[in-house]
Amino acid sequence: MTARTDPMSPVPRYRQLAVILRKAIEAGEYPPGSRLPSEKTLTQTYGVARETASKAMDALAAERLAVMVPGVGWHVPPESADDPDA
């Protein structure tokens, strides 16, 4: 992931970060079942606040592209048998 967020953009940084991560998931950089970067790693990699990283992950969760595993972290959900694209 080499993309960066633009602090001057009218698009909120958490949305920019969610787009970057969504594209990485869709490109297979994070396959189903794999662990996503921690919020701490996202803050260090993209220079965003922890709340920004958290909101980006919540946005991905709302799109069913990420799930939180308590005590483990964020993961790409495994492919579902009822997923029409699987």
Foldseek 3Di string as FASTA:
>chain_A
DQDEFDPPDPDDRLCVVLVVVVVCDVVVVADAPGADDALVVCCVRHVDDSVSSVVNQVVCVVVLQWDQDPPPGIHGHHDDPPDPVD
